[in-house]
């Protein structure tokens, strides 16, 4: 069961200024300093998604987005923290890859980017949102994807109270996405970094 963001400290942590200050102060503990190993494993496996256009929501310092660009995907990274976008831009330049960076709220991507992407990739964005925004998030993802698009999410499925990161339960994820997606895969991943092992599920959802 998801614990709602009902405390003053939880609500304060959802404001844009909170995230910007964390990036500026170097206290973005959710940042791995590398692309997420479960995503790397998926995209280098025999069943890897075909190359296409990807949007990474809440792209942070850009490790996942830049790595996907290095694999030949056309990538857009979105974050509303200026410091995150600046760091991600430097990372892409150092890697000599092209990534489109958008500094904005993810919910402001519509209508301009409706049905523009083959894939939406998720890692530490869903868990940062107030739980009462999750249905709206699912609708956003559905609208961003092309008719045959796929949502690829790496979810925090811990049961600790409060947040962010706000935990979720696999059954909740199935129910949330069922109205708009067909579930292809949702399981605990063995490829997480050590301090997240057992607390992450990898999900693949095909747009209906």
N, C-alpha and C. Protein backbone atom coordinates (compact mmCIF):
# COMPACT_ATOMS: atom_id res chain seq x y z
N UNK A 1 0.85 -1.19 0.00
CA UNK A 1 0.00 0.00 0.00
C UNK A 1 0.88 1.24 0.00
N UNK A 2 0.51 2.23 -0.79
CA UNK A 2 1.26 3.47 -0.87
C UNK A 2 0.87 4.39 0.27
N UNK A 3 1.85 5.00 0.91
CA UNK A 3 1.60 5.97 1.96
C UNK A 3 1.48 7.35 1.34
N UNK A 4 0.37 8.07 1.54
CA UNK A 4 0.21 9.37 0.91
C UNK A 4 1.18 10.39 1.46
N UNK A 5 1.43 11.42 0.65
CA UNK A 5 2.29 12.52 1.08
C UNK A 5 1.44 13.51 1.85
N UNK A 6 1.25 13.26 3.14
CA UNK A 6 0.32 14.08 3.89
C UNK A 6 0.99 14.89 4.98
N UNK A 7 2.32 14.79 5.14
CA UNK A 7 3.00 15.60 6.13
C UNK A 7 3.56 16.85 5.48
N UNK A 8 3.79 17.88 6.30
CA UNK A 8 4.33 19.12 5.76
C UNK A 8 5.69 18.90 5.12
N UNK A 9 6.52 18.06 5.74
CA UNK A 9 7.86 17.82 5.19
C UNK A 9 7.77 17.08 3.86
N UNK A 10 6.83 16.12 3.75
CA UNK A 10 6.66 15.40 2.49
C UNK A 10 6.24 16.35 1.39
N UNK A 11 5.28 17.23 1.67
CA UNK A 11 4.79 18.16 0.66
C UNK A 11 5.86 19.15 0.24
N UNK A 12 6.65 19.63 1.20
CA UNK A 12 7.72 20.57 0.87
C UNK A 12 8.73 19.93 -0.06
N UNK A 13 8.94 18.64 0.11
CA UNK A 13 9.93 17.92 -0.70
C UNK A 13 9.48 17.71 -2.13
N UNK A 14 8.22 18.05 -2.44
CA UNK A 14 7.73 17.87 -3.79
C UNK A 14 7.80 19.15 -4.61
N UNK A 15 8.22 20.26 -4.01
CA UNK A 15 8.28 21.54 -4.70
C UNK A 15 9.54 21.60 -5.57
N UNK A 16 9.47 22.30 -6.72
CA UNK A 16 10.64 22.40 -7.61
C UNK A 16 11.89 22.92 -6.91
N UNK A 17 11.73 23.91 -6.03
CA UNK A 17 12.90 24.49 -5.35
C UNK A 17 13.64 23.45 -4.52
N UNK A 18 12.91 22.49 -3.97
CA UNK A 18 13.55 21.43 -3.18
C UNK A 18 14.53 20.64 -4.04
N UNK A 19 14.07 20.22 -5.22
CA UNK A 19 14.92 19.41 -6.09
C UNK A 19 16.11 20.21 -6.61
N UNK A 20 15.87 21.48 -6.96
CA UNK A 20 16.98 22.31 -7.44
C UNK A 20 18.04 22.46 -6.36
N UNK A 21 17.62 22.67 -5.12
CA UNK A 21 18.59 22.83 -4.04
C UNK A 21 19.38 21.55 -3.81
N UNK A 22 18.73 20.40 -3.97
CA UNK A 22 19.44 19.13 -3.79
C UNK A 22 20.52 18.96 -4.85
N UNK A 23 20.21 19.31 -6.08
CA UNK A 23 21.22 19.21 -7.14
C UNK A 23 22.35 20.21 -6.90
N UNK A 24 22.02 21.43 -6.51
CA UNK A 24 23.05 22.44 -6.29
C UNK A 24 23.96 22.09 -5.11
N UNK A 25 23.37 21.46 -4.09
CA UNK A 25 24.13 21.13 -2.88
C UNK A 25 24.85 19.79 -2.98
N UNK A 26 24.64 19.08 -4.07
CA UNK A 26 25.28 17.78 -4.23
C UNK A 26 24.71 16.71 -3.32
N UNK A 27 23.41 16.83 -2.98
CA UNK A 27 22.77 15.86 -2.07
C UNK A 27 21.69 15.07 -2.80
N UNK A 28 21.87 14.84 -4.08
CA UNK A 28 20.91 14.05 -4.86
C UNK A 28 21.24 12.58 -4.69
N UNK A 29 20.83 12.02 -3.56
CA UNK A 29 21.23 10.65 -3.22
C UNK A 29 20.64 9.61 -4.16
N UNK A 30 19.58 9.98 -4.89
CA UNK A 30 18.98 9.04 -5.83
C UNK A 30 19.86 8.85 -7.07
N UNK A 31 20.80 9.79 -7.28
CA UNK A 31 21.66 9.73 -8.46
C UNK A 31 22.74 8.67 -8.25
N UNK A 32 22.83 7.73 -9.17
CA UNK A 32 23.79 6.63 -9.05
C UNK A 32 25.16 6.99 -9.59
N UNK A 33 25.27 8.07 -10.34
CA UNK A 33 26.54 8.40 -10.98
C UNK A 33 26.83 7.51 -12.17
N UNK A 34 25.83 6.80 -12.65
CA UNK A 34 25.95 5.87 -13.78
C UNK A 34 24.55 5.52 -14.24
N UNK A 35 24.41 4.97 -15.45
CA UNK A 35 23.09 4.49 -15.86
C UNK A 35 22.64 3.34 -14.95
N UNK A 36 21.35 3.24 -14.74
CA UNK A 36 20.82 2.20 -13.85
C UNK A 36 21.12 0.81 -14.41
N UNK A 37 21.80 -0.04 -13.64
CA UNK A 37 22.16 -1.37 -14.15
C UNK A 37 20.98 -2.19 -14.69
N UNK A 38 19.78 -2.16 -14.08
CA UNK A 38 18.69 -2.94 -14.68
C UNK A 38 18.31 -2.46 -16.09
N UNK A 39 18.42 -1.15 -16.33
CA UNK A 39 18.14 -0.64 -17.67
C UNK A 39 19.25 -1.03 -18.64
N UNK A 40 20.48 -0.96 -18.20
CA UNK A 40 21.61 -1.39 -19.04
C UNK A 40 21.45 -2.85 -19.42
N UNK A 41 21.10 -3.68 -18.44
CA UNK A 41 20.92 -5.10 -18.72
C UNK A 41 19.82 -5.32 -19.75
N UNK A 42 18.69 -4.62 -19.59
CA UNK A 42 17.58 -4.78 -20.53
C UNK A 42 18.00 -4.37 -21.94
N UNK A 43 18.62 -3.21 -22.07
CA UNK A 43 18.91 -2.68 -23.38
C UNK A 43 20.13 -3.33 -24.05
N UNK A 44 20.81 -4.20 -23.35
CA UNK A 44 21.92 -4.96 -23.95
C UNK A 44 21.61 -6.45 -24.01
N UNK A 45 20.41 -6.84 -23.67
CA UNK A 45 20.01 -8.25 -23.67
C UNK A 45 19.59 -8.69 -25.07
N UNK A 46 19.45 -9.99 -25.31
CA UNK A 46 18.98 -10.45 -26.62
C UNK A 46 17.60 -9.92 -26.98
N UNK A 47 16.79 -9.58 -25.97
CA UNK A 47 15.44 -9.05 -26.20
C UNK A 47 15.40 -7.53 -26.09
N UNK A 48 16.51 -6.87 -26.32
CA UNK A 48 16.59 -5.43 -26.18
C UNK A 48 15.60 -4.73 -27.11
N UNK A 49 15.00 -3.66 -26.63
CA UNK A 49 14.11 -2.87 -27.50
C UNK A 49 14.85 -2.37 -28.74
N UNK A 50 14.15 -2.31 -29.87
CA UNK A 50 14.74 -1.80 -31.09
C UNK A 50 15.00 -0.30 -30.96
N UNK A 51 15.95 0.20 -31.72
CA UNK A 51 16.26 1.62 -31.68
C UNK A 51 15.04 2.45 -32.04
N UNK A 52 14.92 3.60 -31.40
CA UNK A 52 13.79 4.48 -31.67
C UNK A 52 13.93 5.76 -30.90
N UNK A 53 12.83 6.48 -30.79
CA UNK A 53 12.83 7.77 -30.10
C UNK A 53 12.38 7.57 -28.66
N UNK A 54 13.19 8.06 -27.72
CA UNK A 54 12.98 7.83 -26.28
C UNK A 54 12.86 9.16 -25.55
N UNK A 55 11.96 9.23 -24.58
CA UNK A 55 11.95 10.33 -23.64
C UNK A 55 12.19 9.76 -22.25
N UNK A 56 13.14 10.37 -21.54
CA UNK A 56 13.46 9.99 -20.16
C UNK A 56 12.88 11.05 -19.25
N UNK A 57 11.89 10.66 -18.45
CA UNK A 57 11.20 11.61 -17.57
C UNK A 57 11.97 11.75 -16.26
N UNK A 58 12.14 13.00 -15.79
CA UNK A 58 12.92 13.23 -14.58
C UNK A 58 14.34 12.75 -14.78
N UNK A 59 14.98 13.24 -15.84
CA UNK A 59 16.26 12.68 -16.28
C UNK A 59 17.45 13.03 -15.40
N UNK A 60 17.30 13.98 -14.47
CA UNK A 60 18.35 14.28 -13.52
C UNK A 60 19.67 14.63 -14.18
N UNK A 61 20.75 14.05 -13.69
CA UNK A 61 22.08 14.32 -14.24
C UNK A 61 22.30 13.70 -15.61
N UNK A 62 21.34 12.94 -16.10
CA UNK A 62 21.37 12.49 -17.48
C UNK A 62 22.08 11.18 -17.77
N UNK A 63 22.42 10.41 -16.73
CA UNK A 63 23.19 9.19 -16.98
C UNK A 63 22.44 8.19 -17.86
N UNK A 64 21.15 7.96 -17.58
CA UNK A 64 20.37 7.03 -18.39
C UNK A 64 20.19 7.57 -19.80
N UNK A 65 19.86 8.86 -19.92
CA UNK A 65 19.61 9.46 -21.23
C UNK A 65 20.85 9.44 -22.11
N UNK A 66 21.99 9.81 -21.55
CA UNK A 66 23.23 9.83 -22.33
C UNK A 66 23.63 8.42 -22.74
N UNK A 67 23.49 7.46 -21.84
CA UNK A 67 23.84 6.09 -22.18
C UNK A 67 22.95 5.58 -23.32
N UNK A 68 21.65 5.89 -23.27
CA UNK A 68 20.76 5.46 -24.36
C UNK A 68 21.15 6.10 -25.68
N UNK A 69 21.56 7.37 -25.63
CA UNK A 69 22.02 8.02 -26.85
C UNK A 69 23.26 7.32 -27.40
N UNK A 70 24.12 6.86 -26.52
CA UNK A 70 25.32 6.13 -26.95
C UNK A 70 24.97 4.80 -27.60
N UNK A 71 23.80 4.27 -27.28
CA UNK A 71 23.36 3.00 -27.88
C UNK A 71 22.62 3.21 -29.20
N UNK A 72 22.49 4.45 -29.62
CA UNK A 72 21.88 4.73 -30.92
C UNK A 72 20.44 5.18 -30.88
N UNK A 73 19.90 5.47 -29.70
CA UNK A 73 18.54 5.97 -29.60
C UNK A 73 18.52 7.49 -29.78
N UNK A 74 17.42 8.01 -30.28
CA UNK A 74 17.18 9.45 -30.33
C UNK A 74 16.52 9.83 -29.01
N UNK A 75 17.20 10.61 -28.19
CA UNK A 75 16.81 10.76 -26.79
C UNK A 75 16.45 12.20 -26.45
N UNK A 76 15.37 12.33 -25.67
CA UNK A 76 14.98 13.59 -25.05
C UNK A 76 14.97 13.37 -23.55
N UNK A 77 15.64 14.24 -22.80
CA UNK A 77 15.64 14.17 -21.35
C UNK A 77 14.89 15.36 -20.77
N UNK A 78 14.06 15.10 -19.76
CA UNK A 78 13.21 16.15 -19.20
C UNK A 78 13.42 16.25 -17.70
N UNK A 79 13.68 17.46 -17.21
CA UNK A 79 13.77 17.69 -15.77
C UNK A 79 13.45 19.17 -15.53
N UNK A 80 12.81 19.46 -14.38
CA UNK A 80 12.51 20.87 -14.13
C UNK A 80 13.55 21.56 -13.27
N UNK A 81 14.62 20.89 -12.90
CA UNK A 81 15.69 21.50 -12.11
C UNK A 81 16.78 22.02 -13.05
N UNK A 82 17.02 23.33 -13.08
CA UNK A 82 18.06 23.88 -13.97
C UNK A 82 19.43 23.26 -13.75
N UNK A 83 19.79 23.01 -12.50
CA UNK A 83 21.10 22.43 -12.21
C UNK A 83 21.23 21.03 -12.80
N UNK A 84 20.14 20.27 -12.79
CA UNK A 84 20.17 18.93 -13.37
C UNK A 84 20.37 18.99 -14.87
N UNK A 85 19.63 19.88 -15.53
CA UNK A 85 19.77 20.02 -16.98
C UNK A 85 21.17 20.48 -17.35
N UNK A 86 21.74 21.39 -16.58
CA UNK A 86 23.09 21.88 -16.86
C UNK A 86 24.11 20.75 -16.74
N UNK A 87 23.99 19.94 -15.68
CA UNK A 87 24.91 18.82 -15.50
C UNK A 87 24.74 17.78 -16.60
N UNK A 88 23.49 17.50 -16.98
CA UNK A 88 23.23 16.53 -18.03
C UNK A 88 23.78 17.00 -19.37
N UNK A 89 23.67 18.29 -19.63
CA UNK A 89 24.21 18.85 -20.88
C UNK A 89 25.72 18.67 -20.93
N UNK A 90 26.39 18.89 -19.81
CA UNK A 90 27.85 18.70 -19.76
C UNK A 90 28.21 17.24 -19.97
N UNK A 91 27.42 16.34 -19.40
CA UNK A 91 27.69 14.91 -19.55
C UNK A 91 27.56 14.49 -21.01
N UNK A 92 26.51 14.97 -21.68
CA UNK A 92 26.32 14.63 -23.09
C UNK A 92 27.45 15.18 -23.95
N UNK A 93 27.87 16.41 -23.64
CA UNK A 93 28.97 17.00 -24.40
C UNK A 93 30.26 16.20 -24.22
N UNK A 94 30.54 15.78 -23.00
CA UNK A 94 31.74 15.00 -22.72
C UNK A 94 31.70 13.65 -23.43
N UNK A 95 30.48 13.08 -23.54
CA UNK A 95 30.32 11.79 -24.21
C UNK A 95 30.20 11.94 -25.73
N UNK A 96 30.12 13.18 -26.19
CA UNK A 96 30.02 13.49 -27.62
C UNK A 96 28.80 12.82 -28.26
N UNK A 97 27.67 12.94 -27.55
CA UNK A 97 26.40 12.46 -28.09
C UNK A 97 25.38 13.60 -28.06
N UNK A 98 24.38 13.46 -28.92
CA UNK A 98 23.33 14.47 -29.01
C UNK A 98 22.11 14.02 -28.23
N UNK A 99 21.70 14.85 -27.26
CA UNK A 99 20.47 14.62 -26.50
C UNK A 99 19.70 15.93 -26.46
N UNK A 100 18.41 15.88 -26.65
CA UNK A 100 17.57 17.06 -26.50
C UNK A 100 17.17 17.19 -25.04
N UNK A 101 17.55 18.29 -24.40
CA UNK A 101 17.23 18.50 -22.99
C UNK A 101 16.11 19.52 -22.87
N UNK A 102 15.09 19.20 -22.10
CA UNK A 102 13.97 20.10 -21.87
C UNK A 102 13.87 20.39 -20.38
N UNK A 103 14.00 21.66 -20.02
CA UNK A 103 13.82 22.06 -18.62
C UNK A 103 12.37 22.47 -18.44
N UNK A 104 11.57 21.57 -17.92
CA UNK A 104 10.15 21.86 -17.73
C UNK A 104 9.54 20.79 -16.83
N UNK A 105 8.35 21.07 -16.35
CA UNK A 105 7.55 20.08 -15.64
C UNK A 105 7.11 19.02 -16.64
N UNK A 106 7.19 17.76 -16.28
CA UNK A 106 6.83 16.70 -17.23
C UNK A 106 5.38 16.85 -17.71
N UNK A 107 4.50 17.38 -16.87
CA UNK A 107 3.10 17.50 -17.26
C UNK A 107 2.88 18.64 -18.27
N UNK A 108 3.91 19.43 -18.52
CA UNK A 108 3.82 20.49 -19.52
C UNK A 108 4.29 20.02 -20.90
N UNK A 109 4.61 18.73 -21.04
CA UNK A 109 5.05 18.20 -22.33
C UNK A 109 3.90 18.12 -23.33
N UNK A 110 2.69 18.06 -22.81
CA UNK A 110 1.51 18.00 -23.69
C UNK A 110 0.94 19.39 -23.88
N UNK A 111 0.40 19.68 -25.04
CA UNK A 111 0.18 18.77 -26.19
C UNK A 111 1.34 18.69 -27.18
N UNK A 112 2.40 19.45 -26.99
CA UNK A 112 3.46 19.56 -28.00
C UNK A 112 4.09 18.22 -28.35
N UNK A 113 4.21 17.31 -27.37
CA UNK A 113 4.91 16.05 -27.60
C UNK A 113 3.97 14.85 -27.61
N UNK A 114 2.73 15.08 -27.87
CA UNK A 114 1.76 13.97 -27.91
C UNK A 114 2.11 12.99 -29.03
N UNK A 115 2.17 11.70 -28.68
CA UNK A 115 2.44 10.60 -29.61
C UNK A 115 3.75 10.80 -30.39
N UNK A 116 4.77 11.30 -29.71
CA UNK A 116 6.04 11.56 -30.37
C UNK A 116 7.11 10.52 -30.09
N UNK A 117 6.87 9.59 -29.15
CA UNK A 117 7.96 8.73 -28.70
C UNK A 117 7.62 7.24 -28.85
N UNK A 118 8.65 6.48 -29.21
CA UNK A 118 8.52 5.01 -29.24
C UNK A 118 8.60 4.44 -27.84
N UNK A 119 9.36 5.10 -26.96
CA UNK A 119 9.55 4.62 -25.59
C UNK A 119 9.51 5.79 -24.61
N UNK A 120 8.90 5.55 -23.47
CA UNK A 120 9.06 6.40 -22.30
C UNK A 120 9.84 5.59 -21.28
N UNK A 121 10.95 6.14 -20.80
CA UNK A 121 11.79 5.44 -19.83
C UNK A 121 11.69 6.13 -18.48
N UNK A 122 11.49 5.35 -17.45
CA UNK A 122 11.25 5.83 -16.08
C UNK A 122 12.32 5.30 -15.12
N UNK A 123 12.88 6.20 -14.33
CA UNK A 123 13.80 5.81 -13.27
C UNK A 123 13.88 6.96 -12.28
N UNK A 124 13.29 6.81 -11.12
CA UNK A 124 13.27 7.77 -10.01
C UNK A 124 12.42 9.01 -10.27
N UNK A 125 11.53 8.97 -11.25
CA UNK A 125 10.57 10.07 -11.44
C UNK A 125 9.24 9.73 -10.79
N UNK A 126 8.70 8.56 -11.09
CA UNK A 126 7.43 8.12 -10.53
C UNK A 126 7.44 8.17 -9.00
N UNK A 127 8.54 7.75 -8.40
CA UNK A 127 8.63 7.70 -6.93
C UNK A 127 8.78 9.08 -6.31
N UNK A 128 9.12 10.09 -7.12
CA UNK A 128 9.29 11.44 -6.61
C UNK A 128 8.00 12.24 -6.63
N UNK A 129 7.00 11.73 -7.36
CA UNK A 129 5.72 12.42 -7.46
C UNK A 129 4.84 12.13 -6.25
N UNK A 130 4.02 13.11 -5.87
CA UNK A 130 3.00 12.84 -4.86
C UNK A 130 2.12 11.69 -5.35
N UNK A 131 1.82 10.72 -4.51
CA UNK A 131 1.03 9.57 -4.96
C UNK A 131 -0.30 9.93 -5.60
N UNK A 132 -0.88 11.08 -5.24
CA UNK A 132 -2.16 11.44 -5.85
C UNK A 132 -2.00 11.92 -7.29
N UNK A 133 -0.77 12.00 -7.79
CA UNK A 133 -0.52 12.36 -9.19
C UNK A 133 -0.29 11.14 -10.07
N UNK A 134 -0.35 9.96 -9.51
CA UNK A 134 0.06 8.78 -10.28
C UNK A 134 -0.89 8.47 -11.44
N UNK A 135 -2.18 8.63 -11.26
CA UNK A 135 -3.09 8.38 -12.38
C UNK A 135 -2.84 9.39 -13.50
N UNK A 136 -2.59 10.63 -13.14
CA UNK A 136 -2.28 11.65 -14.14
C UNK A 136 -0.99 11.32 -14.86
N UNK A 137 -0.01 10.79 -14.14
CA UNK A 137 1.25 10.38 -14.73
C UNK A 137 1.04 9.28 -15.76
N UNK A 138 0.23 8.29 -15.42
CA UNK A 138 -0.05 7.20 -16.36
C UNK A 138 -0.69 7.74 -17.63
N UNK A 139 -1.61 8.67 -17.50
CA UNK A 139 -2.25 9.27 -18.66
C UNK A 139 -1.24 10.04 -19.50
N UNK A 140 -0.32 10.75 -18.83
CA UNK A 140 0.74 11.46 -19.55
C UNK A 140 1.58 10.51 -20.38
N UNK A 141 2.04 9.43 -19.76
CA UNK A 141 2.87 8.45 -20.46
C UNK A 141 2.13 7.91 -21.68
N UNK A 142 0.87 7.57 -21.49
CA UNK A 142 0.06 7.03 -22.60
C UNK A 142 -0.01 8.02 -23.76
N UNK A 143 -0.17 9.29 -23.45
CA UNK A 143 -0.30 10.31 -24.49
C UNK A 143 1.02 10.62 -25.17
N UNK A 144 2.14 10.48 -24.47
CA UNK A 144 3.45 10.75 -25.07
C UNK A 144 3.85 9.67 -26.08
N UNK A 145 3.36 8.46 -25.88
CA UNK A 145 3.77 7.34 -26.71
C UNK A 145 3.04 7.28 -28.04
N UNK A 146 3.76 6.82 -29.06
CA UNK A 146 3.13 6.50 -30.34
C UNK A 146 2.16 5.33 -30.15
N UNK A 147 1.28 5.08 -31.11
CA UNK A 147 0.28 4.01 -30.94
C UNK A 147 0.85 2.65 -30.58
N UNK A 148 2.04 2.32 -31.05
CA UNK A 148 2.65 1.02 -30.73
C UNK A 148 3.81 1.19 -29.74
N UNK A 149 3.78 2.26 -28.94
CA UNK A 149 4.89 2.56 -28.05
C UNK A 149 4.93 1.69 -26.81
N UNK A 150 6.04 1.81 -26.07
CA UNK A 150 6.25 1.00 -24.88
C UNK A 150 6.78 1.87 -23.73
N UNK A 151 6.26 1.60 -22.57
CA UNK A 151 6.72 2.25 -21.33
C UNK A 151 7.64 1.30 -20.60
N UNK A 152 8.83 1.77 -20.23
CA UNK A 152 9.82 0.97 -19.53
C UNK A 152 10.11 1.66 -18.21
N UNK A 153 9.74 1.02 -17.11
CA UNK A 153 9.86 1.67 -15.81
C UNK A 153 10.67 0.85 -14.82
N UNK A 154 11.56 1.54 -14.11
CA UNK A 154 12.29 0.94 -12.99
C UNK A 154 11.73 1.58 -11.72
N UNK A 155 10.96 0.81 -10.95
CA UNK A 155 10.16 1.34 -9.86
C UNK A 155 10.75 0.98 -8.50
N UNK A 156 10.67 1.94 -7.56
CA UNK A 156 10.95 1.64 -6.16
C UNK A 156 9.72 0.94 -5.57
N UNK A 157 9.89 -0.29 -5.11
CA UNK A 157 8.77 -1.04 -4.55
C UNK A 157 9.02 -1.37 -3.08
N UNK A 158 9.65 -0.42 -2.38
CA UNK A 158 9.84 -0.59 -0.94
C UNK A 158 8.53 -0.25 -0.23
N UNK A 159 8.42 -0.62 1.05
CA UNK A 159 7.21 -0.34 1.83
C UNK A 159 7.49 0.60 3.00
N UNK A 160 8.54 1.40 2.87
CA UNK A 160 8.85 2.37 3.92
C UNK A 160 7.85 3.52 3.89
N UNK A 161 7.49 4.08 5.05
CA UNK A 161 6.50 5.15 5.06
C UNK A 161 7.07 6.46 4.53
N UNK A 162 6.17 7.30 4.05
CA UNK A 162 6.55 8.63 3.62
C UNK A 162 7.39 8.64 2.35
N UNK A 163 7.97 9.77 2.09
CA UNK A 163 8.79 9.94 0.91
C UNK A 163 8.94 11.41 0.58
N UNK A 164 9.56 11.75 -0.53
CA UNK A 164 10.10 10.83 -1.53
C UNK A 164 11.42 10.18 -1.09
N UNK A 165 11.73 9.00 -1.65
CA UNK A 165 10.96 8.31 -2.68
C UNK A 165 9.75 7.58 -2.09
N UNK A 166 8.61 7.76 -2.75
CA UNK A 166 7.39 7.08 -2.34
C UNK A 166 7.36 5.69 -2.95
N UNK A 167 7.23 4.69 -2.11
CA UNK A 167 7.21 3.32 -2.61
C UNK A 167 5.89 2.99 -3.30
N UNK A 168 5.90 1.90 -4.02
CA UNK A 168 4.69 1.39 -4.67
C UNK A 168 4.71 -0.13 -4.58
N UNK A 169 3.55 -0.72 -4.80
CA UNK A 169 3.41 -2.17 -4.74
C UNK A 169 3.15 -2.69 -6.15
N UNK A 170 3.70 -3.84 -6.52
CA UNK A 170 3.44 -4.36 -7.87
C UNK A 170 1.96 -4.45 -8.23
N UNK A 171 1.11 -4.84 -7.29
CA UNK A 171 -0.32 -4.91 -7.59
C UNK A 171 -0.88 -3.53 -7.91
N UNK A 172 -0.41 -2.51 -7.19
CA UNK A 172 -0.85 -1.15 -7.46
C UNK A 172 -0.43 -0.73 -8.87
N UNK A 173 0.80 -1.07 -9.25
CA UNK A 173 1.28 -0.71 -10.58
C UNK A 173 0.44 -1.38 -11.66
N UNK A 174 0.12 -2.65 -11.46
CA UNK A 174 -0.71 -3.35 -12.44
C UNK A 174 -2.06 -2.66 -12.59
N UNK A 175 -2.68 -2.28 -11.47
CA UNK A 175 -3.98 -1.65 -11.52
C UNK A 175 -3.92 -0.26 -12.15
N UNK A 176 -2.87 0.49 -11.84
CA UNK A 176 -2.73 1.84 -12.38
C UNK A 176 -2.62 1.83 -13.90
N UNK A 177 -1.81 0.93 -14.42
CA UNK A 177 -1.52 0.95 -15.85
C UNK A 177 -2.52 0.14 -16.68
N UNK A 178 -3.31 -0.72 -16.05
CA UNK A 178 -4.21 -1.61 -16.78
C UNK A 178 -5.18 -0.90 -17.72
N UNK A 179 -5.73 0.27 -17.36
CA UNK A 179 -6.69 0.90 -18.28
C UNK A 179 -6.08 1.34 -19.61
N UNK A 180 -4.78 1.53 -19.67
CA UNK A 180 -4.15 2.11 -20.87
C UNK A 180 -3.04 1.25 -21.47
N UNK A 181 -2.63 0.20 -20.76
CA UNK A 181 -1.47 -0.58 -21.21
C UNK A 181 -1.71 -2.07 -21.03
N UNK A 182 -1.00 -2.83 -21.85
CA UNK A 182 -0.94 -4.29 -21.67
C UNK A 182 0.40 -4.61 -21.01
N UNK A 183 0.35 -5.30 -19.89
CA UNK A 183 1.56 -5.64 -19.15
C UNK A 183 2.33 -6.75 -19.87
N UNK A 184 3.57 -6.47 -20.18
CA UNK A 184 4.44 -7.48 -20.78
C UNK A 184 5.32 -8.14 -19.72
N UNK A 185 5.80 -7.33 -18.77
CA UNK A 185 6.73 -7.85 -17.76
C UNK A 185 6.72 -6.93 -16.55
N UNK A 186 6.66 -7.51 -15.36
CA UNK A 186 6.83 -6.75 -14.12
C UNK A 186 7.35 -7.72 -13.07
N UNK A 187 8.61 -7.52 -12.66
CA UNK A 187 9.23 -8.44 -11.70
C UNK A 187 10.37 -7.74 -10.98
N UNK A 188 10.66 -8.21 -9.78
CA UNK A 188 11.82 -7.70 -9.05
C UNK A 188 13.08 -7.99 -9.87
N UNK A 189 13.93 -6.99 -10.00
CA UNK A 189 15.13 -7.16 -10.81
C UNK A 189 16.31 -7.59 -9.95
N UNK A 190 17.09 -8.54 -10.43
CA UNK A 190 18.30 -8.95 -9.71
C UNK A 190 19.51 -8.09 -10.05
N UNK A 191 19.31 -7.06 -10.87
CA UNK A 191 20.44 -6.29 -11.39
C UNK A 191 20.60 -4.93 -10.71
N UNK A 192 19.85 -4.68 -9.65
CA UNK A 192 19.96 -3.41 -8.94
C UNK A 192 21.32 -3.25 -8.28
N UNK A 193 21.70 -1.99 -8.01
CA UNK A 193 22.88 -1.76 -7.19
C UNK A 193 22.62 -2.31 -5.80
N UNK A 194 23.68 -2.57 -5.05
CA UNK A 194 23.55 -3.34 -3.81
C UNK A 194 22.58 -2.73 -2.80
N UNK A 195 22.58 -1.39 -2.64
CA UNK A 195 21.73 -0.82 -1.61
C UNK A 195 20.28 -0.68 -2.06
N UNK A 196 19.96 -1.09 -3.30
CA UNK A 196 18.57 -1.10 -3.76
C UNK A 196 18.09 -2.51 -4.10
N UNK A 197 18.96 -3.48 -3.90
CA UNK A 197 18.62 -4.85 -4.25
C UNK A 197 17.40 -5.30 -3.45
N UNK A 198 16.41 -5.80 -4.15
CA UNK A 198 15.16 -6.23 -3.53
C UNK A 198 14.11 -5.16 -3.44
N UNK A 199 14.50 -3.91 -3.74
CA UNK A 199 13.57 -2.78 -3.63
C UNK A 199 13.16 -2.21 -4.98
N UNK A 200 13.52 -2.88 -6.07
CA UNK A 200 13.19 -2.36 -7.40
C UNK A 200 12.52 -3.43 -8.25
N UNK A 201 11.50 -3.01 -8.98
CA UNK A 201 10.85 -3.85 -9.99
C UNK A 201 11.06 -3.20 -11.36
N UNK A 202 11.32 -4.02 -12.35
CA UNK A 202 11.41 -3.56 -13.72
C UNK A 202 10.11 -3.92 -14.42
N UNK A 203 9.51 -2.91 -15.07
CA UNK A 203 8.24 -3.15 -15.77
C UNK A 203 8.30 -2.73 -17.21
N UNK A 204 7.67 -3.52 -18.08
CA UNK A 204 7.50 -3.20 -19.49
C UNK A 204 6.01 -3.24 -19.80
N UNK A 205 5.49 -2.12 -20.30
CA UNK A 205 4.07 -1.99 -20.57
C UNK A 205 3.88 -1.53 -22.01
N UNK A 206 3.06 -2.27 -22.78
CA UNK A 206 2.77 -1.91 -24.16
C UNK A 206 1.50 -1.07 -24.22
N UNK A 207 1.57 0.03 -24.97
CA UNK A 207 0.41 0.89 -25.10
C UNK A 207 -0.72 0.17 -25.81
N UNK A 208 -1.91 0.24 -25.25
CA UNK A 208 -3.09 -0.36 -25.89
C UNK A 208 -3.49 0.45 -27.11
